[in-house]
C-alpha atoms as a PDB file:
ATOM      1  CA  ALA A   1       0.573  -0.942  30.967  1.00  0.00           C
ATOM      2  CA  PRO A   2      -1.260  -0.566  27.800  1.00  0.00           C
ATOM      3  CA  ARG A   3       0.492   0.366  24.720  1.00  0.00           C
ATOM      4  CA  GLY A   4      -1.395   4.514  24.484  1.00  0.00           C
ATOM      5  CA  ASP A   5       1.529   5.461  25.155  1.00  0.00           C
ATOM      6  CA  GLY A   6       4.295   3.643  23.528  1.00  0.00           C
ATOM      7  CA  ARG A   7       4.947   1.361  27.373  1.00  0.00           C
ATOM      8  CA  GLY A   8       2.451  -1.676  27.035  1.00  0.00           C
ATOM      9  CA  GLY A   9      -0.433  -3.578  25.090  1.00  0.00           C
ATOM     10  CA  GLY A  10      -4.055  -4.092  23.911  1.00  0.00           C
ATOM     11  CA  GLY A  11      -7.435  -5.941  24.635  1.00  0.00           C
ATOM     12  CA  THR A  12     -10.483  -7.973  24.757  1.00  0.00           C
ATOM     13  CA  SER A  13     -12.653  -7.322  27.077  1.00  0.00           C
ATOM     14  CA  ALA A  14     -14.324  -9.169  30.223  1.00  0.00           C
ATOM     15  CA  SER A  15     -17.328  -6.388  29.839  1.00  0.00           C
ATOM     16  CA  GLY A  16     -18.475  -7.726  26.819  1.00  0.00           C
ATOM     17  CA  LYS A  17     -19.223  -5.920  23.819  1.00  0.00           C
ATOM     18  CA  ARG A  18     -20.044  -2.212  23.360  1.00  0.00           C
ATOM     19  CA  GLY A  19     -21.055   0.300  21.778  1.00  0.00           C
ATOM     20  CA  ARG A  20     -19.350   3.557  20.037  1.00  0.00           C
ATOM     21  CA  SER A  21     -19.758   7.356  20.690  1.00  0.00           C
ATOM     22  CA  THR A  22     -20.758   9.727  17.336  1.00  0.00           C
ATOM     23  CA  SER A  23     -17.002  10.099  16.930  1.00  0.00           C
ATOM     24  CA  GLY A  24     -16.832   6.767  15.734  1.00  0.00           C
ATOM     25  CA  LEU A  25     -15.003   5.851  18.917  1.00  0.00           C
ATOM     26  CA  ALA A  26     -15.734   2.550  21.114  1.00  0.00           C
ATOM     27  CA  LEU A  27     -17.052   3.614  24.266  1.00  0.00           C
ATOM     28  CA  ASP A  28     -14.266   3.830  26.691  1.00  0.00           C
ATOM     29  CA  ALA A  29     -15.834   1.995  29.867  1.00  0.00           C
ATOM     30  CA  SER A  30     -12.049   1.769  30.918  1.00  0.00           C
ATOM     31  CA  SER A  31     -12.420   5.672  32.303  1.00  0.00           C
ATOM     32  CA  THR A  32     -14.721   4.767  34.753  1.00  0.00           C
ATOM     33  CA  HIS A  33     -13.867   1.240  35.742  1.00  0.00           C
ATOM     34  CA  PRO A  34     -12.840   0.909  39.945  1.00  0.00           C
ATOM     35  CA  LEU A  35      -9.347  -1.224  39.529  1.00  0.00           C
ATOM     36  CA  VAL A  36      -7.985   0.666  36.198  1.00  0.00           C
ATOM     37  CA  GLN A  37      -5.125   3.699  37.248  1.00  0.00           C
ATOM     38  CA  ASP A  38      -5.220   6.715  36.219  1.00  0.00           C
ATOM     39  CA  LYS A  39      -2.055   6.837  34.036  1.00  0.00           C
ATOM     40  CA  ASP A  40      -3.869   4.177  31.771  1.00  0.00           C
ATOM     41  CA  LYS A  41      -6.553   6.364  31.866  1.00  0.00           C
ATOM     42  CA  GLU A  42      -4.370   9.861  30.902  1.00  0.00           C
ATOM     43  CA  ALA A  43      -2.833   7.417  27.997  1.00  0.00           C
ATOM     44  CA  VAL A  44      -6.315   6.655  26.396  1.00  0.00           C
ATOM     45  CA  ALA A  45      -7.467  10.208  27.148  1.00  0.00           C
ATOM     46  CA  GLU A  46      -4.065  11.118  25.341  1.00  0.00           C
ATOM     47  CA  LEU A  47      -4.420   8.360  22.118  1.00  0.00           C
ATOM     48  CA  GLN A  48      -8.441  10.070  21.358  1.00  0.00           C
ATOM     49  CA  GLU A  49      -6.752  13.249  21.429  1.00  0.00           C
ATOM     50  CA  VAL A  50      -4.240  11.956  18.430  1.00  0.00           C
ATOM     51  CA  TYR A  51      -7.471  10.348  16.593  1.00  0.00           C
ATOM     52  CA  ARG A  52      -9.166  13.858  16.375  1.00  0.00           C
ATOM     53  CA  ALA A  53      -5.909  15.461  15.090  1.00  0.00           C
ATOM     54  CA  LEU A  54      -5.735  12.551  12.492  1.00  0.00           C
ATOM     55  CA  VAL A  55      -9.308  13.240  12.010  1.00  0.00           C
ATOM     56  CA  SER A  56      -9.745  17.597  11.626  1.00  0.00           C
ATOM     57  CA  SER A  57      -6.257  16.777   9.118  1.00  0.00           C
ATOM     58  CA  ASP A  58      -8.464  14.596   6.948  1.00  0.00           C
ATOM     59  CA  ARG A  59      -6.070  11.111   7.548  1.00  0.00           C
ATOM     60  CA  PHE A  60      -9.268   9.042   7.336  1.00  0.00           C
ATOM     61  CA  GLN A  61      -7.411   5.953   7.134  1.00  0.00           C
ATOM     62  CA  GLU A  62      -4.307   6.036   9.891  1.00  0.00           C
ATOM     63  CA  ALA A  63      -7.389   7.533  12.135  1.00  0.00           C
ATOM     64  CA  ARG A  64      -9.201   3.995  11.235  1.00  0.00           C
ATOM     65  CA  LEU A  65      -6.431   1.991  12.723  1.00  0.00           C
ATOM     66  CA  CYS A  66      -6.090   4.829  15.596  1.00  0.00           C
ATOM     67  CA  ALA A  67      -9.842   4.296  16.472  1.00  0.00           C
ATOM     68  CA  ALA A  68      -9.038   0.582  15.855  1.00  0.00           C
ATOM     69  CA  HIS A  69      -5.809   0.803  18.656  1.00  0.00           C
ATOM     70  CA  ILE A  70      -8.113   2.635  21.248  1.00  0.00           C
ATOM     71  CA  GLU A  71     -10.293   0.378  21.484  1.00  0.00           C
ATOM     72  CA  VAL A  72      -7.817  -2.387  22.290  1.00  0.00           C
ATOM     73  CA  VAL A  73      -5.815  -0.085  24.836  1.00  0.00           C
ATOM     74  CA  GLN A  74      -9.300   0.565  26.496  1.00  0.00           C
ATOM     75  CA  LYS A  75     -10.315  -3.383  27.028  1.00  0.00           C
ATOM     76  CA  GLU A  76      -6.475  -4.194  27.802  1.00  0.00           C
ATOM     77  CA  SER A  77      -6.397  -1.377  30.783  1.00  0.00           C
ATOM     78  CA  ILE A  78      -9.429  -3.159  32.044  1.00  0.00           C
ATOM     79  CA  GLU A  79      -8.077  -6.734  31.306  1.00  0.00           C
ATOM     80  CA  ALA A  80      -4.652  -6.120  33.019  1.00  0.00           C
ATOM     81  CA  ALA A  81      -5.997  -4.371  36.691  1.00  0.00           C
ATOM     82  CA  GLU A  82      -8.436  -7.214  36.779  1.00  0.00           C
ATOM     83  CA  TYR A  83      -5.396  -9.875  36.269  1.00  0.00           C
ATOM     84  CA  GLU A  84      -3.447  -7.875  39.257  1.00  0.00           C
ATOM     85  CA  GLN A  85      -6.265  -8.085  41.123  1.00  0.00           C
ATOM     86  CA  LEU A  86      -6.819 -11.903  40.845  1.00  0.00           C
ATOM     87  CA  LYS A  87      -2.697 -12.362  41.445  1.00  0.00           C
ATOM     88  CA  SER A  88      -2.901 -10.362  45.180  1.00  0.00           C
ATOM     89  CA  THR A  89      -5.874 -12.705  45.631  1.00  0.00           C
ATOM     90  CA  GLY A  90      -4.631 -15.706  44.984  1.00  0.00           C
ATOM     91  CA  GLN A  91      -6.773 -16.895  41.967  1.00  0.00           C
ATOM     92  CA  PHE A  92      -3.705 -17.698  40.464  1.00  0.00           C
ATOM     93  CA  SER A  93      -6.002 -20.513  37.553  1.00  0.00           C
ATOM     94  CA  GLU A  94      -8.244 -17.369  36.853  1.00  0.00           C
ATOM     95  CA  ALA A  95      -5.300 -15.104  36.129  1.00  0.00           C
ATOM     96  CA  LEU A  96      -3.068 -17.206  34.152  1.00  0.00           C
ATOM     97  CA  GLN A  97      -6.892 -17.444  32.149  1.00  0.00           C
ATOM     98  CA  LYS A  98      -6.667 -13.418  32.391  1.00  0.00           C
ATOM     99  CA  LYS A  99      -3.366 -13.339  31.210  1.00  0.00           C
ATOM    100  CA  GLU A 100      -3.406 -15.519  27.897  1.00  0.00           C
ATOM    101  CA  LYS A 101      -6.034 -12.706  26.762  1.00  0.00           C
ATOM    102  CA  LEU A 102      -3.876 -10.522  28.122  1.00  0.00           C
ATOM    103  CA  ASP A 103      -1.390 -11.578  25.357  1.00  0.00           C
ATOM    104  CA  ARG A 104      -3.967 -11.926  22.591  1.00  0.00           C
ATOM    105  CA  LEU A 105      -4.821  -8.372  23.244  1.00  0.00           C
ATOM    106  CA  ARG A 106      -0.899  -7.463  23.194  1.00  0.00           C
ATOM    107  CA  ALA A 107      -0.830  -8.520  19.855  1.00  0.00           C
ATOM    108  CA  ARG A 108      -3.315  -6.534  18.441  1.00  0.00           C
ATOM    109  CA  ALA A 109      -1.681  -3.275  19.740  1.00  0.00           C
ATOM    110  CA  GLN A 110      -0.039  -1.303  16.867  1.00  0.00           C
ATOM    111  CA  PRO A 111       3.425  -0.291  17.112  1.00  0.00           C
ATOM    112  CA  GLN A 112       5.181   2.099  18.571  1.00  0.00           C
ATOM    113  CA  ARG A 113       6.752   3.194  15.727  1.00  0.00           C
ATOM    114  CA  VAL A 114       3.128   3.725  14.470  1.00  0.00           C
ATOM    115  CA  LEU A 115       2.481   5.447  16.938  1.00  0.00           C
ATOM    116  CA  GLN A 116       4.592   7.708  16.586  1.00  0.00           C
ATOM    117  CA  SER A 117       3.627   9.093  13.411  1.00  0.00           C
ATOM    118  CA  TRP A 118       0.378   9.463  14.020  1.00  0.00           C
ATOM    119  CA  ARG A 119       1.906  11.995  15.713  1.00  0.00           C
ATOM    120  CA  GLU A 120       3.920  13.428  13.178  1.00  0.00           C
ATOM    121  CA  PRO A 121       2.963  15.805  10.206  1.00  0.00           C
ATOM    122  CA  SER A 122       1.828  14.194   7.601  1.00  0.00           C
ATOM    123  CA  ALA A 123       2.724  15.377   3.548  1.00  0.00           C
ATOM    124  CA  ALA A 124       0.072  14.344   2.144  1.00  0.00           C
ATOM    125  CA  ALA A 125      -2.751  16.778   1.194  1.00  0.00           C
ATOM    126  CA  SER A 126      -5.306  17.813   2.928  1.00  0.00           C
ATOM    127  CA  PHE A 127      -8.412  19.680   1.924  1.00  0.00           C
ATOM    128  CA  GLU A 128      -7.419  22.879   3.066  1.00  0.00           C
ATOM    129  CA  SER A 129      -3.937  22.788   1.291  1.00  0.00           C
ATOM    130  CA  MET A 130      -5.913  21.634  -1.625  1.00  0.00           C
ATOM    131  CA  ARG A 131      -8.592  24.778  -1.920  1.00  0.00           C
ATOM    132  CA  ARG A 132      -5.559  26.660  -1.357  1.00  0.00           C
ATOM    133  CA  ASP A 133      -3.782  24.979  -4.112  1.00  0.00           C
ATOM    134  CA  ILE A 134      -6.759  25.494  -6.799  1.00  0.00           C
ATOM    135  CA  GLU A 135      -7.562  29.395  -5.433  1.00  0.00           C
ATOM    136  CA  LYS A 136      -4.250  30.457  -6.503  1.00  0.00           C
ATOM    137  CA  SER A 137      -3.805  28.940  -9.816  1.00  0.00           C
ATOM    138  CA  CYS A 138      -7.502  28.694 -10.784  1.00  0.00           C
ATOM    139  CA  GLY A 139      -9.305  32.007  -8.800  1.00  0.00           C
ATOM    140  CA  ARG A 140     -12.236  32.178  -6.817  1.00  0.00           C
ATOM    141  CA  GLN A 141     -15.006  31.187  -8.812  1.00  0.00           C
ATOM    142  CA  GLN A 142     -13.177  27.519  -9.217  1.00  0.00           C
ATOM    143  CA  VAL A 143     -12.253  27.242  -5.923  1.00  0.00           C
ATOM    144  CA  GLN A 144     -15.994  26.772  -4.908  1.00  0.00           C
ATOM    145  CA  LYS A 145     -16.955  23.895  -7.346  1.00  0.00           C
ATOM    146  CA  PHE A 146     -14.231  21.744  -4.621  1.00  0.00           C
ATOM    147  CA  VAL A 147     -15.301  23.857  -1.804  1.00  0.00           C
ATOM    148  CA  SER A 148     -18.922  21.771  -1.944  1.00  0.00           C
ATOM    149  CA  LEU A 149     -17.342  18.424  -1.838  1.00  0.00           C
ATOM    150  CA  ALA A 150     -16.234  19.518   2.118  1.00  0.00           C
ATOM    151  CA  SER A 151     -19.338  19.797   3.387  1.00  0.00           C
ATOM    152  CA  GLY A 152     -19.951  15.741   3.112  1.00  0.00           C
ATOM    153  CA  ILE A 153     -16.741  15.003   4.042  1.00  0.00           C
ATOM    154  CA  ARG A 154     -16.732  16.431   7.642  1.00  0.00           C
ATOM    155  CA  ALA A 155     -20.059  15.091   8.360  1.00  0.00           C
ATOM    156  CA  ALA A 156     -19.066  11.824   7.593  1.00  0.00           C
ATOM    157  CA  ALA A 157     -16.200  12.220   9.121  1.00  0.00           C
ATOM    158  CA  SER A 158     -17.995  14.044  12.971  1.00  0.00           C
ATOM    159  CA  ALA A 159     -20.130  11.012  12.672  1.00  0.00           C
ATOM    160  CA  GLY A 160     -17.539   8.893  12.965  1.00  0.00           C
ATOM    161  CA  LYS A 161     -17.630   7.345   9.324  1.00  0.00           C
ATOM    162  CA  LEU A 162     -13.917   7.639   7.917  1.00  0.00           C
ATOM    163  CA  GLU A 163     -14.801   5.130   5.226  1.00  0.00           C
ATOM    164  CA  GLU A 164     -17.103   7.040   3.822  1.00  0.00           C
ATOM    165  CA  ALA A 165     -15.482  10.580   4.446  1.00  0.00           C
ATOM    166  CA  GLN A 166     -11.993   8.852   2.972  1.00  0.00           C
ATOM    167  CA  LYS A 167     -14.310   8.023  -0.455  1.00  0.00           C
ATOM    168  CA  LEU A 168     -15.706  11.578  -0.715  1.00  0.00           C
ATOM    169  CA  PHE A 169     -12.054  12.496   0.329  1.00  0.00           C
ATOM    170  CA  ASP A 170     -10.243  10.371  -2.590  1.00  0.00           C
ATOM    171  CA  GLN A 171     -13.389  12.149  -4.492  1.00  0.00           C
ATOM    172  CA  ALA A 172     -12.192  15.306  -3.951  1.00  0.00           C
ATOM    173  CA  LYS A 173      -8.886  14.660  -4.470  1.00  0.00           C
ATOM    174  CA  THR A 174      -9.541  13.161  -8.184  1.00  0.00           C
ATOM    175  CA  LYS A 175     -11.273  16.457  -8.109  1.00  0.00           C
ATOM    176  CA  TYR A 176      -8.054  18.785  -7.341  1.00  0.00           C
ATOM    177  CA  THR A 177      -6.068  16.869  -9.752  1.00  0.00           C
ATOM    178  CA  ILE A 178      -8.466  17.277 -12.797  1.00  0.00           C
ATOM    179  CA  MET A 179      -8.890  21.382 -11.950  1.00  0.00           C
ATOM    180  CA  MET A 180      -5.127  21.725 -11.264  1.00  0.00           C
ATOM    181  CA  ALA A 181      -4.419  20.255 -15.031  1.00  0.00           C
ATOM    182  CA  GLY A 182      -6.934  22.516 -16.460  1.00  0.00           C
ATOM    183  CA  GLU A 183      -9.145  19.947 -18.284  1.00  0.00           C
ATOM    184  CA  PRO A 184     -12.939  20.106 -17.613  1.00  0.00           C
ATOM    185  CA  LEU A 185     -14.796  18.233 -15.206  1.00  0.00           C
ATOM    186  CA  VAL A 186     -17.593  16.214 -16.813  1.00  0.00           C
ATOM    187  CA  ARG A 187     -20.324  14.672 -14.446  1.00  0.00           C
ATOM    188  CA  GLU A 188     -20.626  10.989 -14.367  1.00  0.00           C
ATOM    189  CA  GLU A 189     -23.712  10.430 -15.259  1.00  0.00           C
ATOM    190  CA  VAL A 190     -22.281  12.105 -18.684  1.00  0.00           C
ATOM    191  CA  VAL A 191     -19.519   9.827 -18.758  1.00  0.00           C
ATOM    192  CA  GLN A 192     -21.439   6.515 -18.993  1.00  0.00           C
ATOM    193  CA  ARG A 193     -23.922   7.953 -21.045  1.00  0.00           C
ATOM    194  CA  TRP A 194     -21.060   8.620 -23.894  1.00  0.00           C
ATOM    195  CA  ARG A 195     -19.739   4.694 -22.677  1.00  0.00           C
ATOM    196  CA  GLU A 196     -23.301   4.090 -23.432  1.00  0.00           C
ATOM    197  CA  VAL A 197     -23.270   4.898 -27.012  1.00  0.00           C
ATOM    198  CA  LEU A 198     -20.487   3.420 -27.789  1.00  0.00           C
ATOM    199  CA  GLY A 199     -21.411   0.687 -26.639  1.00  0.00           C
ATOM    200  CA  ALA A 200     -24.928   1.139 -29.064  1.00  0.00           C
ATOM    201  CA  CYS A 201     -22.017   2.357 -32.262  1.00  0.00           C
ATOM    202  CA  ALA A 202     -19.884  -0.854 -31.478  1.00  0.00           C
ATOM    203  CA  GLU A 203     -22.642  -3.217 -31.943  1.00  0.00           C
ATOM    204  CA  THR A 204     -24.286  -1.645 -35.082  1.00  0.00           C
ATOM    205  CA  VAL A 205     -21.278  -1.687 -36.992  1.00  0.00           C
ATOM    206  CA  ARG A 206     -20.964  -5.743 -35.792  1.00  0.00           C
ATOM    207  CA  VAL A 207     -24.568  -6.480 -37.402  1.00  0.00           C
ATOM    208  CA  CYS A 208     -23.442  -4.335 -40.050  1.00  0.00           C
ATOM    209  CA  ALA A 209     -20.179  -6.096 -40.957  1.00  0.00           C
END
């Protein structure tokens, strides 16, 4: 059985390349494969729910690992079903080759402790918890400046662009830290202009010296 529920491993599909859905998850060929057992399909479905919960909690790095693990589990469930069929029909040479594929796939699957951590609450701040902190400390007018970042994060996450979502979320955390410290926010282009001016001043001093 695949490791989607902590019972087994991951995999390389004999069916070749597969696309991805707009959620960022690999399209699930195992759900319609005639040889894959219902319990393995349920394991994949349960992992997909875990993935969605991670994304909705702004745990994008963990969600990326979860998506990769789901793809391994989907492939492994197909390979395992085909392996059992080859054994049952006496095709032992082909079954041995299939077994080697299965072993490589299972080595790529996440361990049970990682799967369990995905299901547990995280102590890390979410966008919503940061929003509440800012509103409590800085007031509703200030919190609107922070909330404006949400649409970009949600759009990237909904499109399955988790790396981009994580980058935007990191920017939100930086803004949160600055706002909670009570320091004025300075746009990056202003900071860059300061660097240019300081560089020009340093060059002038060097030439004059």
